[in-house]
Protein backbone atom coordinates (compact mmCIF):
# COMPACT_ATOMS: atom_id res chain seq x y z
CA MET A 1 0.47 0.05 -0.03
CA ARG A 2 1.41 3.19 -0.89
CA ARG A 3 2.31 6.11 1.78
CA LEU A 4 1.11 9.39 1.71
CA LEU A 5 3.56 11.38 2.53
CA LEU A 6 2.70 14.92 3.77
CA SER A 7 4.95 17.98 4.17
CA ALA A 8 6.49 19.27 7.64
CA PRO A 9 3.61 22.11 7.82
CA LEU A 10 0.99 19.79 7.28
CA ARG A 11 1.65 17.11 9.35
CA ARG A 12 2.34 20.18 12.05
CA GLY A 13 -1.08 21.56 11.23
CA LEU A 14 -2.30 18.19 12.28
CA SER A 15 -0.70 17.66 15.29
CA ILE A 16 -1.87 20.43 16.46
CA THR A 17 -5.53 20.01 15.91
CA ALA A 18 -5.32 16.87 17.52
CA ALA A 19 -3.27 17.87 20.32
CA GLY A 20 -5.70 21.20 21.18
CA ASP A 21 -8.54 21.26 22.57
CA PRO A 22 -11.70 21.29 20.34
CA SER A 23 -14.54 22.43 23.33
CA LEU A 24 -12.54 25.37 23.56
CA ALA A 25 -11.99 26.69 20.38
CA SER A 26 -15.81 26.25 20.01
CA SER A 27 -16.73 28.17 22.51
CA ALA A 28 -14.43 31.17 21.72
CA GLU A 29 -16.36 30.41 18.55
CA HIS A 30 -19.59 30.58 20.07
CA ALA A 31 -19.06 33.58 22.30
CA TYR A 32 -17.30 35.74 18.96
CA ARG A 33 -20.50 34.93 17.22
CA LEU A 34 -22.63 36.41 20.42
CA LEU A 35 -20.50 39.23 20.32
CA ARG A 36 -20.66 40.15 16.58
CA ARG A 37 -24.74 39.41 16.84
CA HIS A 38 -26.02 41.77 20.23
CA HIS A 39 -22.56 44.10 20.61
CA SER A 40 -24.73 47.47 19.59
CA ASP A 41 -26.71 46.40 22.34
CA PRO A 42 -24.86 45.68 25.40
CA GLN A 43 -27.93 44.85 27.68
CA LYS A 44 -28.99 42.19 25.23
CA LEU A 45 -25.48 41.01 25.25
CA ALA A 46 -24.49 40.00 28.46
CA ALA A 47 -27.93 38.44 28.41
CA ALA A 48 -27.37 36.32 25.61
CA LEU A 49 -23.27 35.77 27.26
CA SER A 50 -24.66 34.44 30.48
CA ALA A 51 -27.51 32.17 28.76
CA SER A 52 -24.49 30.99 26.21
CA GLY A 53 -23.37 28.52 29.63
CA LEU A 54 -19.45 30.18 29.22
CA ASP A 55 -17.85 30.41 31.92
CA PRO A 56 -16.32 34.15 32.21
CA SER A 57 -13.80 32.78 35.17
CA SER A 58 -11.69 30.74 32.11
CA PRO A 59 -8.60 33.11 31.48
CA HIS A 60 -7.91 30.64 28.56
CA LEU A 61 -11.84 31.28 26.88
CA LEU A 62 -10.99 34.93 27.64
CA ASP A 63 -7.42 34.91 25.75
CA ALA A 64 -9.07 32.19 22.78
CA VAL A 65 -11.96 35.00 22.46
CA LEU A 66 -9.39 38.04 22.37
CA ARG A 67 -7.70 36.13 19.59
CA ARG A 68 -10.16 35.48 17.83
CA CYS A 69 -11.81 39.12 17.56
CA GLY A 70 -8.33 39.93 16.25
CA ALA A 71 -8.57 42.69 15.28
CA ALA A 72 -12.10 44.37 16.46
CA SER A 73 -11.02 45.72 19.16
CA SER A 74 -14.70 47.10 20.59
CA LEU A 75 -15.97 43.12 20.84
CA ALA A 76 -12.90 42.45 22.40
CA LEU A 77 -13.28 44.88 25.00
CA HIS A 78 -17.03 43.95 25.51
CA PHE A 79 -15.91 40.47 26.26
CA PHE A 80 -12.81 41.71 28.62
CA HIS A 81 -15.96 43.23 30.47
CA TRP A 82 -17.93 40.77 30.85
CA CYS A 83 -14.98 38.33 32.39
CA SER A 84 -13.36 40.81 34.46
CA PRO A 85 -15.64 40.27 37.60
CA SER A 86 -15.26 36.47 37.74
CA LEU A 87 -11.59 37.03 37.65
CA PRO A 88 -9.30 38.00 40.31
CA SER A 89 -7.27 39.65 38.22
CA PRO A 90 -6.20 39.32 34.28
CA LEU A 91 -3.37 37.27 32.79
CA PRO A 92 -0.50 39.51 31.22
CA SER A 93 -1.51 37.38 28.35
CA SER A 94 -4.96 38.77 28.09
CA LEU A 95 -3.36 42.43 28.50
CA ALA A 96 -0.84 41.51 25.90
CA LEU A 97 -3.64 40.13 23.44
CA LEU A 98 -6.05 43.71 24.51
CA ALA A 99 -3.46 45.96 23.37
CA LYS A 100 -2.45 43.92 20.17
CA SER A 101 -6.04 43.95 18.89
CA PHE A 102 -6.10 47.57 19.54
CA SER A 103 -3.12 48.29 17.61
CA ARG A 104 -4.41 46.36 14.75
CA ALA A 105 -7.80 47.95 14.42
CA SER A 106 -8.55 50.65 12.13
CA SER A 107 -10.53 52.92 14.38
CA ALA A 108 -9.61 53.39 18.36
CA PRO A 109 -12.44 52.25 20.64
CA PRO A 110 -14.62 54.27 22.15
CA PRO A 111 -14.16 56.06 25.70
CA SER A 112 -17.23 54.38 27.24
CA LEU A 113 -15.88 50.77 26.67
CA LEU A 114 -12.10 52.33 27.95
CA ALA A 115 -13.71 53.53 30.99
CA PRO A 116 -14.73 50.69 33.16
CA LEU A 117 -10.91 49.33 32.99
CA PRO A 118 -9.33 49.32 36.66
CA SER A 119 -7.20 52.42 36.85
CA GLN A 120 -4.04 50.04 36.76
CA LEU A 121 -4.81 48.80 33.48
CA LEU A 122 -5.21 51.97 31.59
CA GLY A 123 -1.25 52.57 31.33
CA PRO A 124 0.73 53.27 28.47
CA SER A 125 1.07 49.35 27.34
CA LEU A 126 -2.88 49.84 26.62
CA LEU A 127 -3.50 53.56 26.29
CA CYS A 128 -0.41 53.90 23.11
CA PRO A 129 -2.28 52.01 20.62
CA VAL A 130 -5.55 53.89 21.38
CA LEU A 131 -4.16 56.72 20.58
CA ARG A 132 -2.46 55.87 17.54
CA ARG A 133 -5.43 55.42 16.11
CA LEU A 134 -7.06 58.50 16.73
CA PRO A 135 -6.44 61.53 13.91
CA GLN A 136 -4.99 64.62 15.68
CA PRO A 137 -8.52 66.73 16.35
CA ARG A 138 -9.68 63.95 18.58
CA LEU A 139 -6.87 63.24 20.82
CA LEU A 140 -7.77 65.76 23.34
CA PRO A 141 -11.40 65.47 23.21
CA PHE A 142 -10.87 61.89 23.75
CA ALA A 143 -8.38 62.44 27.06
CA LEU A 144 -11.15 64.63 28.32
CA SER A 145 -13.68 62.66 27.61
CA LEU A 146 -11.74 59.68 29.10
CA ILE A 147 -11.03 61.48 32.28
CA SER A 148 -14.62 62.84 32.85
CA ALA A 149 -15.82 59.15 32.55
CA ARG A 150 -13.31 58.13 35.79
CA PRO A 151 -13.98 59.22 39.57
CA ASP A 152 -12.49 62.21 40.91
CA HIS A 153 -9.55 60.02 42.65
CA ASP A 154 -8.30 58.48 39.74
CA HIS A 155 -8.19 61.74 37.88
CA PRO A 156 -4.22 62.24 39.27
CA ALA A 157 -3.00 58.40 37.93
CA LEU A 158 -5.07 58.22 34.62
CA PHE A 159 -4.20 62.36 33.34
CA LEU A 160 -0.36 60.65 34.43
CA SER A 161 -0.82 57.59 32.74
CA LEU A 162 -2.00 59.98 29.72
CA LEU A 163 0.57 62.42 29.60
CA GLU A 164 3.37 59.18 29.36
CA SER A 165 0.44 57.63 26.81
CA LEU A 166 0.81 61.01 24.38
CA SER A 167 4.38 61.79 24.64
CA LYS A 168 5.19 57.94 23.81
CA ALA A 169 2.76 57.93 20.64
CA GLY A 170 4.48 60.72 19.40
CA HIS A 171 1.39 63.51 20.43
CA VAL A 172 3.75 65.76 22.95
CA ALA A 173 2.11 68.74 21.45
CA THR A 174 -1.90 67.48 22.64
CA ALA A 175 -0.33 66.23 25.89
CA GLU A 176 0.98 70.24 26.28
CA GLN A 177 -3.05 71.20 25.95
CA LEU A 178 -3.97 68.12 28.13
CA VAL A 179 -1.71 70.14 30.87
CA GLU A 180 -3.06 73.49 29.86
CA GLU A 181 -6.41 72.30 30.94
CA LEU A 182 -6.12 70.34 33.54
CA GLN A 183 -3.09 71.45 35.45
CA PRO A 184 -5.20 74.41 37.87
CA ARG A 185 -6.63 71.11 39.61
CA LEU A 186 -3.99 68.61 38.75
CA PRO A 187 -0.54 69.60 39.34
CA LEU A 188 2.77 69.09 37.94
CA SER A 189 5.24 66.33 38.88
CA LEU A 190 8.79 65.57 37.89
CA ARG A 191 7.10 62.28 36.52
CA HIS A 192 4.97 64.59 34.46
CA TYR A 193 7.96 67.08 33.36
CA THR A 194 9.97 64.02 32.32
CA ALA A 195 7.44 62.58 30.06
CA LEU A 196 6.42 66.11 28.14
CA LEU A 197 10.28 65.90 27.82
CA TYR A 198 10.88 62.66 26.57
CA GLY A 199 8.38 63.69 24.11
CA TRP A 200 9.81 66.53 22.62
CA CYS A 201 13.16 64.58 22.57
CA ARG A 202 12.06 62.05 20.99
CA GLN A 203 11.22 64.01 18.13
CA GLY A 204 14.16 66.36 17.93
CA LYS A 205 12.98 69.42 19.32
CA LEU A 206 15.00 70.83 21.81
CA GLU A 207 14.27 74.26 21.60
CA GLU A 208 10.84 73.22 23.35
CA ALA A 209 12.71 70.49 25.85
CA LYS A 210 14.35 73.50 26.93
CA HIS A 211 11.28 75.62 27.31
CA VAL A 212 9.63 72.68 29.85
CA LEU A 213 12.66 73.04 31.57
CA VAL A 214 12.44 76.55 32.15
CA ARG A 215 8.54 75.87 33.32
CA MET A 216 10.97 73.26 35.73
CA LYS A 217 13.17 75.46 37.22
CA ALA A 218 10.05 78.08 37.90
CA ALA A 219 8.08 75.71 39.81
CA ASP A 220 10.99 74.72 41.79
CA VAL A 221 11.19 70.96 40.57
CA ALA A 222 14.77 69.95 40.13
CA LEU A 223 16.38 67.53 37.62
CA ASP A 224 17.02 63.66 38.42
CA VAL A 225 18.84 61.07 36.88
CA VAL A 226 16.15 60.12 34.68
CA ALA A 227 15.03 63.62 33.67
CA PHE A 228 18.82 64.25 32.95
CA ASN A 229 18.95 60.68 31.06
CA THR A 230 16.10 61.99 28.99
CA LEU A 231 17.68 64.83 27.95
CA LEU A 232 20.97 63.14 27.21
CA ALA A 233 19.43 60.64 24.60
CA GLY A 234 17.51 63.80 22.49
CA PHE A 235 21.35 65.33 22.26
CA VAL A 236 22.55 62.08 20.94
CA ALA A 237 19.36 61.38 18.44
CA ASP A 238 20.01 64.65 17.24
CA GLY A 239 23.74 64.10 16.78
CA ARG A 240 24.72 66.92 19.54
CA PHE A 241 27.60 64.70 20.33
CA GLU A 242 29.24 68.30 22.16
CA ASP A 243 26.59 68.91 23.94
CA ALA A 244 25.76 65.19 25.63
CA PHE A 245 29.20 65.46 26.72
CA GLU A 246 29.18 68.64 28.09
CA LEU A 247 25.80 67.81 29.93
CA ALA A 248 27.22 64.90 31.15
CA ARG A 249 29.67 67.05 32.99
CA GLU A 250 26.48 69.33 34.02
CA MET A 251 25.12 66.13 35.99
CA GLU A 252 28.52 65.91 37.55
CA ARG A 253 28.79 69.58 39.07
CA ARG A 254 25.44 69.17 40.13
CA GLY A 255 25.88 66.33 42.19
CA CYS A 256 23.72 63.69 39.84
CA PRO A 257 26.49 61.71 38.10
CA PRO A 258 25.45 59.83 34.86
CA ASN A 259 24.94 55.95 35.82
CA ALA A 260 25.06 53.17 33.33
CA VAL A 261 21.95 54.38 31.31
CA SER A 262 23.59 57.75 30.68
CA TYR A 263 26.88 56.45 29.50
CA THR A 264 25.13 53.66 27.45
CA THR A 265 23.17 56.21 25.70
CA LEU A 266 25.84 57.85 24.78
CA MET A 267 27.96 54.21 23.85
CA GLN A 268 24.38 53.70 21.89
CA GLY A 269 24.35 57.06 19.72
CA LEU A 270 28.14 56.82 18.84
CA GLY A 271 28.11 52.81 17.73
CA ALA A 272 24.95 53.81 15.68
CA ARG A 273 26.84 56.46 13.66
CA GLY A 274 30.57 53.92 13.47
CA ARG A 275 31.69 55.66 15.56
CA VAL A 276 33.28 52.72 18.00
CA ASP A 277 36.76 53.58 19.04
CA GLU A 278 34.53 57.23 20.34
CA ALA A 279 32.22 54.52 22.30
CA MET A 280 34.94 52.71 23.19
CA ARG A 281 36.63 55.81 24.86
CA VAL A 282 33.57 56.36 26.77
CA PHE A 283 33.39 52.52 27.99
CA VAL A 284 36.88 53.08 29.22
CA GLU A 285 35.68 56.80 30.95
CA MET A 286 32.59 54.82 32.67
CA ARG A 287 35.00 51.93 34.21
CA ARG A 288 37.65 54.67 35.34
CA LYS A 289 34.74 56.83 36.66
CA GLY A 290 33.77 53.77 38.68
CA CYS A 291 30.11 53.57 37.06
CA ALA A 292 30.55 49.25 36.64
CA PRO A 293 28.76 47.84 33.12
CA ASP A 294 25.70 46.23 32.94
CA ALA A 295 24.71 43.71 30.56
CA VAL A 296 22.60 46.39 28.29
CA THR A 297 26.37 48.16 27.97
CA TYR A 298 28.10 45.39 26.76
CA GLY A 299 25.54 44.76 24.28
CA THR A 300 25.78 47.75 23.01
CA LEU A 301 28.97 47.42 22.13
CA VAL A 302 28.74 44.15 20.88
CA SER A 303 26.59 45.30 18.70
CA ALA A 304 28.30 48.77 17.60
CA PHE A 305 31.38 46.21 16.83
CA CYS A 306 29.15 43.61 14.73
CA LYS A 307 27.95 46.48 13.16
CA ALA A 308 31.29 47.52 12.14
CA GLY A 309 32.30 44.04 10.75
CA LYS A 310 34.33 44.12 14.21
CA ILE A 311 33.31 40.64 15.16
CA SER A 312 36.21 39.37 16.95
CA GLN A 313 36.10 42.00 19.10
CA GLY A 314 32.53 41.46 19.69
CA TYR A 315 33.03 38.40 20.57
CA GLU A 316 35.57 39.78 22.79
CA PHE A 317 33.41 41.59 24.83
CA LEU A 318 30.77 38.57 25.03
CA ASP A 319 33.69 36.59 26.82
CA ALA A 320 34.01 39.86 28.95
CA MET A 321 30.15 39.23 29.67
CA SER A 322 30.45 36.01 31.06
CA ARG A 323 33.68 36.50 33.28
CA GLU A 324 31.78 38.58 34.98
CA GLY A 325 29.25 36.71 35.97
CA LEU A 326 26.38 39.12 33.95
CA ARG A 327 23.55 37.53 32.46
CA VAL A 328 23.86 37.02 27.95
CA ASP A 329 20.14 36.96 26.80
CA ALA A 330 19.36 36.88 23.32
CA THR A 331 19.27 40.47 22.36
CA VAL A 332 23.12 40.16 22.85
CA TYR A 333 23.84 37.85 20.33
CA HIS A 334 21.35 39.12 18.19
CA GLY A 335 24.52 41.92 16.44
CA PHE A 336 26.52 38.42 16.07
CA TYR A 337 23.98 36.50 13.60
CA VAL A 338 22.96 39.98 11.32
CA ALA A 339 26.85 40.63 10.88
CA HIS A 340 26.88 36.64 10.02
CA GLU A 341 24.33 36.92 7.50
CA LYS A 342 25.62 40.06 5.55
CA LYS A 343 29.00 37.72 4.84
CA GLU A 344 26.20 34.65 3.82
CA GLN A 345 27.75 32.89 6.98
CA LEU A 346 25.44 29.90 8.02
CA GLU A 347 27.49 27.49 9.39
CA GLU A 348 28.12 30.00 11.99
CA CYS A 349 25.38 30.81 12.44
CA LEU A 350 24.25 27.42 13.23
CA GLU A 351 27.22 26.89 15.53
CA LEU A 352 26.37 29.93 17.29
CA MET A 353 22.61 28.64 17.72
CA GLU A 354 24.98 25.58 19.74
CA ARG A 355 26.88 27.57 22.12
CA MET A 356 23.88 29.68 23.05
CA ARG A 357 22.01 26.56 24.24
CA GLU A 358 24.75 25.07 25.68
CA CYS A 359 25.22 28.68 27.32
CA ARG A 360 21.07 28.09 28.44
CA CYS A 361 19.95 30.64 26.54
CA PRO A 362 18.02 29.32 24.09
CA PRO A 363 17.84 31.48 20.66
CA ASP A 364 14.41 33.34 20.50
CA LEU A 365 12.12 34.44 17.47
CA LYS A 366 14.72 37.21 16.41
CA VAL A 367 17.31 34.88 16.22
CA TYR A 368 15.45 32.24 13.68
CA ASN A 369 14.02 35.04 11.67
CA VAL A 370 17.42 35.52 10.75
CA VAL A 371 18.90 31.98 10.46
CA ILE A 372 15.86 31.04 8.66
CA ARG A 373 15.94 34.20 6.38
CA LEU A 374 18.96 33.28 5.24
CA ALA A 375 18.87 29.85 5.34
CA CYS A 376 16.29 30.34 2.30
CA LYS A 377 18.58 33.08 1.18
CA LEU A 378 21.49 30.13 0.42
CA GLY A 379 18.53 27.47 -1.08
CA GLU A 380 18.89 25.54 1.85
CA THR A 381 15.44 24.81 2.19
CA LYS A 382 15.40 21.80 4.02
CA GLN A 383 17.71 23.25 6.79
CA ALA A 384 15.38 26.26 7.10
CA MET A 385 12.24 24.01 7.67
CA ALA A 386 14.35 21.98 10.20
CA LEU A 387 14.87 25.05 12.10
CA TRP A 388 11.42 25.95 11.94
CA ASN A 389 9.99 22.68 13.65
CA GLU A 390 13.09 22.87 16.41
CA MET A 391 11.60 26.44 17.17
CA GLU A 392 8.16 25.53 17.65
CA ASN A 393 9.64 22.03 19.62
CA GLY A 394 11.24 24.08 21.96
CA GLY A 395 8.10 26.12 23.02
CA LEU A 396 7.99 29.32 19.99
CA SER A 397 5.41 30.47 18.69
CA PRO A 398 5.98 32.06 15.13
CA GLY A 399 4.99 35.54 14.84
CA VAL A 400 3.68 36.67 11.77
CA ASP A 401 7.26 38.28 10.55
CA THR A 402 8.54 34.61 10.87
CA PHE A 403 5.86 33.39 8.32
CA ALA A 404 6.47 36.55 6.31
CA ILE A 405 10.45 35.41 6.00
CA MET A 406 9.83 31.94 5.50
CA VAL A 407 6.48 32.11 3.06
CA SER A 408 8.76 34.47 0.86
CA GLY A 409 11.58 32.69 0.83
CA LEU A 410 10.22 29.88 0.37
CA VAL A 411 8.61 31.42 -3.04
CA GLY A 412 12.14 32.56 -4.13
CA GLN A 413 13.26 29.02 -4.55
CA GLY A 414 10.48 28.00 -6.08
CA ALA A 415 8.84 25.73 -3.19
CA LEU A 416 5.57 26.91 -3.71
CA ILE A 417 3.57 23.73 -2.39
CA GLU A 418 5.60 23.88 1.27
CA ALA A 419 5.42 28.27 1.15
CA CYS A 420 1.33 27.43 -0.02
CA SER A 421 1.15 24.93 3.77
CA TYR A 422 3.06 27.79 5.68
CA PHE A 423 1.28 30.49 4.39
CA LYS A 424 -2.11 28.57 5.30
CA ASP A 425 -0.83 28.00 8.97
CA MET A 426 -0.48 31.58 9.04
CA ALA A 427 -3.72 32.12 7.82
CA GLY A 428 -5.13 29.56 10.70
CA ARG A 429 -3.76 30.97 12.97
CA GLY A 430 -5.43 34.58 13.07
CA LEU A 431 -1.66 36.37 11.80
CA PHE A 432 -2.62 37.25 8.42
CA VAL A 433 -3.61 41.19 8.42
CA ALA A 434 -3.15 44.02 5.51
CA PRO A 435 0.84 44.36 6.68
CA GLN A 436 1.71 41.40 4.77
CA TYR A 437 -0.17 41.78 1.59
CA GLY A 438 3.09 41.72 -0.26
CA VAL A 439 3.45 38.24 0.87
CA LEU A 440 -0.11 37.26 -0.56
CA LYS A 441 1.02 38.76 -4.11
CA ASP A 442 3.89 37.18 -4.68
CA LEU A 443 2.80 33.89 -3.56
CA LEU A 444 -0.39 33.93 -6.20
CA ASN A 445 1.90 35.28 -8.35
CA ALA A 446 4.08 32.57 -8.58
CA LEU A 447 1.44 30.14 -8.19
CA VAL A 448 -0.27 31.91 -11.35
CA ARG A 449 3.43 31.83 -13.15
CA ASP A 450 3.56 28.17 -12.80
CA GLU A 451 0.33 27.08 -13.54
CA LYS A 452 -1.02 26.21 -10.05
CA LEU A 453 -4.27 27.83 -10.74
CA GLU A 454 -5.94 24.90 -8.39
CA LEU A 455 -3.68 25.45 -5.60
CA ALA A 456 -3.66 29.43 -5.88
CA LYS A 457 -7.57 29.04 -5.54
CA ASP A 458 -7.14 26.63 -2.70
CA VAL A 459 -5.14 29.53 -1.06
CA TRP A 460 -7.74 31.78 -1.47
CA GLU A 461 -10.53 29.98 -0.62
CA CYS A 462 -8.48 29.43 3.04
CA ILE A 463 -8.57 33.04 3.36
CA VAL A 464 -11.59 33.28 2.79
CA SER A 465 -13.02 31.15 5.51
CA LYS A 466 -10.40 31.75 7.82
CA GLY A 467 -12.07 35.09 8.32
CA CYS A 468 -9.09 37.24 7.29
CA GLU A 469 -8.99 40.45 6.82
CA LEU A 470 -9.87 41.45 3.39
CA ASN A 471 -9.87 44.61 1.56
CA VAL A 472 -9.72 45.53 -1.71
CA SER A 473 -6.10 45.84 -2.43
CA ALA A 474 -6.27 41.78 -1.13
CA TRP A 475 -8.94 41.13 -3.99
CA THR A 476 -6.95 43.45 -6.39
CA ILE A 477 -4.18 41.33 -5.68
CA TRP A 478 -6.36 37.99 -6.91
CA THR A 479 -8.02 39.04 -9.78
CA HIS A 480 -5.18 41.30 -11.24
CA SER A 481 -2.66 38.17 -10.90
CA LEU A 482 -5.44 35.57 -12.29
CA TYR A 483 -6.04 38.22 -15.18
CA ALA A 484 -2.09 38.93 -15.48
CA LYS A 485 -1.80 34.85 -17.11
CA LYS A 486 -5.14 35.36 -19.28
CA HIS A 487 -7.65 33.82 -16.54
CA VAL A 488 -10.01 36.59 -17.28
CA LYS A 489 -13.35 34.35 -16.52
CA GLU A 490 -12.06 33.29 -13.49
CA ALA A 491 -11.09 36.88 -12.43
CA CYS A 492 -14.20 38.38 -13.00
CA LEU A 493 -16.30 35.73 -11.29
CA TYR A 494 -14.29 36.55 -8.26
CA CYS A 495 -14.73 40.07 -9.24
CA LEU A 496 -18.38 39.65 -8.53
CA ASP A 497 -17.66 37.77 -5.03
CA MET A 498 -15.82 40.95 -4.64
CA LEU A 499 -18.80 42.81 -5.07
CA GLU A 500 -21.09 40.85 -3.23
CA ALA A 501 -18.60 41.52 -0.14
CA GLY A 502 -19.55 45.39 -0.60
CA LEU A 503 -16.41 46.15 -1.80
CA MET A 504 -16.34 48.59 -5.07
CA PRO A 505 -13.22 47.34 -7.46
CA GLN A 506 -10.23 50.43 -8.39
CA PRO A 507 -11.20 52.03 -11.77
CA ASP A 508 -8.19 50.21 -13.50
CA THR A 509 -9.27 46.62 -12.21
CA PHE A 510 -12.53 47.43 -14.03
CA ALA A 511 -11.31 48.88 -16.92
CA LYS A 512 -9.03 46.11 -17.04
CA LEU A 513 -11.98 43.36 -16.93
CA MET A 514 -14.33 44.80 -19.14
CA LYS A 515 -11.58 44.92 -21.99
CA GLY A 516 -10.68 41.21 -21.40
CA LEU A 517 -14.30 40.60 -21.14
CA LYS A 518 -14.66 42.52 -24.89
CA LYS A 519 -12.07 40.13 -26.37
CA LEU A 520 -14.02 36.79 -25.10
CA TYR A 521 -17.35 38.46 -26.55
CA ASN A 522 -18.98 37.74 -22.85
CA ARG A 523 -21.43 40.50 -22.19
CA HIS A 524 -23.37 38.58 -20.07
CA ILE A 525 -21.24 38.95 -17.04
CA ALA A 526 -19.92 42.35 -18.37
CA ALA A 527 -23.55 43.80 -17.93
CA GLU A 528 -23.56 42.09 -14.48
CA ILE A 529 -20.33 43.59 -12.80
CA THR A 530 -20.93 47.06 -14.85
CA GLU A 531 -24.82 47.07 -13.52
CA LYS A 532 -23.17 46.23 -9.67
CA VAL A 533 -20.79 48.96 -10.02
CA ARG A 534 -22.83 51.45 -11.25
CA LYS A 535 -25.30 50.84 -7.84
CA MET A 536 -21.84 51.25 -5.71
CA ALA A 537 -20.76 53.97 -7.37
CA GLU A 538 -24.18 55.71 -7.51
CA GLU A 539 -24.48 54.77 -3.02
CA ARG A 540 -21.23 56.13 -2.89
CA HIS A 541 -22.09 59.52 -4.58
CA VAL A 542 -19.67 58.74 -7.20
CA SER A 543 -20.32 59.56 -10.82
CA PHE A 544 -19.95 56.32 -12.85
CA LYS A 545 -18.52 58.31 -15.90
CA MET A 546 -15.75 60.03 -13.90
CA TYR A 547 -14.58 56.32 -12.55
CA LYS A 548 -15.02 54.63 -15.83
CA ARG A 549 -12.64 57.25 -17.78
CA ARG A 550 -10.22 57.50 -14.43
CA GLY A 551 -9.66 53.33 -14.79
CA VAL A 552 -9.01 53.63 -19.29
CA ARG A 553 -6.59 56.42 -18.01
CA ASP A 554 -4.71 54.56 -15.24
CA LEU A 555 -4.82 51.66 -17.87
CA GLU A 556 -3.07 54.01 -20.09
CA GLU A 557 -0.67 55.55 -17.55
CA LYS A 558 0.34 52.95 -15.55
CA PRO A 559 2.60 50.95 -18.18
CA LYS A 560 3.74 54.19 -19.31
CA ALA A 561 5.44 55.41 -15.90
CA LYS A 562 6.80 51.68 -15.23
CA ARG A 563 8.44 52.05 -18.58
CA ARG A 564 9.55 55.92 -18.08
CA ARG A 565 11.10 54.62 -14.67
CA GLY A 566 12.94 52.37 -16.22
CA GLN A 567 14.98 54.48 -19.25
CA LYS A 568 15.64 56.69 -16.01
CA LYS A 569 16.90 54.15 -14.39
CA SER A 570 18.98 52.90 -17.62
CA ARG A 571 20.26 56.43 -18.19
CA ARG A 572 21.43 56.75 -14.55
CA ARG A 573 23.52 53.61 -15.29
CA GLN A 574 24.87 54.56 -18.22
CA SER A 575 25.82 57.97 -16.65
CA GLY A 576 27.39 55.97 -13.92
CA HIS A 577 29.38 54.15 -16.21
CA GLY A 578 30.60 56.70 -18.30
CA GLN A 579 31.36 58.86 -15.17
CA SER A 580 33.55 55.84 -13.85
CA ASN A 581 35.26 55.96 -17.26
CA ARG A 582 35.94 59.19 -17.17
CA ASN A 583 37.14 59.09 -14.25
CA ALA A 584 39.37 56.35 -15.18
CA ASP A 585 40.62 58.40 -17.98
CA LEU A 586 41.83 61.40 -15.65
CA LEU A 587 43.77 58.93 -13.26
CA ASP A 588 45.29 57.52 -16.59
CA ALA A 589 46.07 60.91 -17.56
CA SER A 590 47.40 62.00 -14.55
CA ASP A 591 49.53 58.76 -14.43
CA ASP A 592 51.08 59.75 -17.65
CA GLU A 593 52.11 63.54 -16.65
CA GLU A 594 53.49 61.37 -13.17
CA PHE A 595 55.57 59.13 -15.10
CA SER A 596 56.77 61.51 -17.53
CA SER A 597 57.91 63.60 -14.85
């Protein structure tokens, strides 16, 4: 009897399904459907969830539902509120999933859903993703409404959290406006001023940071080492190292000497600019002043030397860390892997991974990402899949970046069947979202180009059935991939599915499909697509004639623009070649003159 051989991703998917808890997945799906059905009416939603038989005290169920909600942050918050009274305290994994939902959502949840959260949870980790989703005019009203919805005794803590979150999210100007609104009744402390300093320094606006210092002096608030280090980081980020060194000397004069963070900040800035010798002098000065370097300091030097291509010196600092009894984590090793990847040294990477295991410091996801990418680049796809299996057996769950690296690498090597298996695994885990559309485009184009149309359709059906985020761009990639290889009828049928989903095709897509149907003399499908697009245009108050004209124009202009870009690149290469020839002639002439003299 012939054995059926399955690829590693397929075997892994089957084992996960068998070992998982089907009842938990079923309960999470049931809760998700109730949330979708009743989220507009909180009372009906609470009654439906209570009558569903779901266990609100189960943290595993909470995590499963939050993971199922994905980018639907409002649904995730509704279920989090329903479970909160029955849980003594939410798990860190639940908070991380909630923050991830906020960061993936297309819009911020309303303040009414955030207000019931306990004050200790409303920190920057949850508020920053929310504030990044808000447009600038809505930031200040959102912050004020969130504060007004809380009890008076929560206002100082929430004010500080909002100030720090706005500064970290890059909205320090709004943080200043919030201070002006609330300062009369909520006075500022050193942490408030430090948050404003951090925001301005992070944006490189050191003049505004100086104004904050003036206000601190007027309020008789003395700077501590954290505030000084914030200013120091601002000078370093702006490349003003002379000012940074002067500030370090000022710290000593004020009786607040630089600590390990101060010196490490200087070394990070110098190392990032390739000035490793100066970074080494700062390290020597640090030791001379009696400030003991920590693991971050050594890791900074390791990264600086590896980035400069001086890998052997990086290994010397790694050995020094071991001699001094400092804990070496995976982030310190990461610089070595990046340096080895640039030199395409796969064997050295594998040996370093073995060394990490011997030191009881197992490789993390970043390390596996680098080594898997290098293995795929060198054509070692079997080695890449073996590393993947080793990573999962070690308890690491691959993230979005890991899947994207693996799929892109396998597509680049022509291993399309294996690439499809990993891509479907990514979609099944709910990790396929809009930023990974480049991976989808490469995979579908490669499959259609290789005449694997059924496999491409299987990938698309997997995306649709798993409830992944599909916008106009995703449908455009799929229809254009089919059209490029003369599968016009299939492209039109999928365009009809897109219209049924309530999405209107781009003008050039519509023009391209009409052009293809005209060649096929298929007037029935053309009329059906045209009628549906016409109705959508009316609903969106768009002129259908202008829509058609724009599509035809884009269809004609895009190839011309592409040809012009190609001609510019060709001329640039030719001019560069001509310039190099002229330089060579000048050098030859100077050599002749020197010889004759």
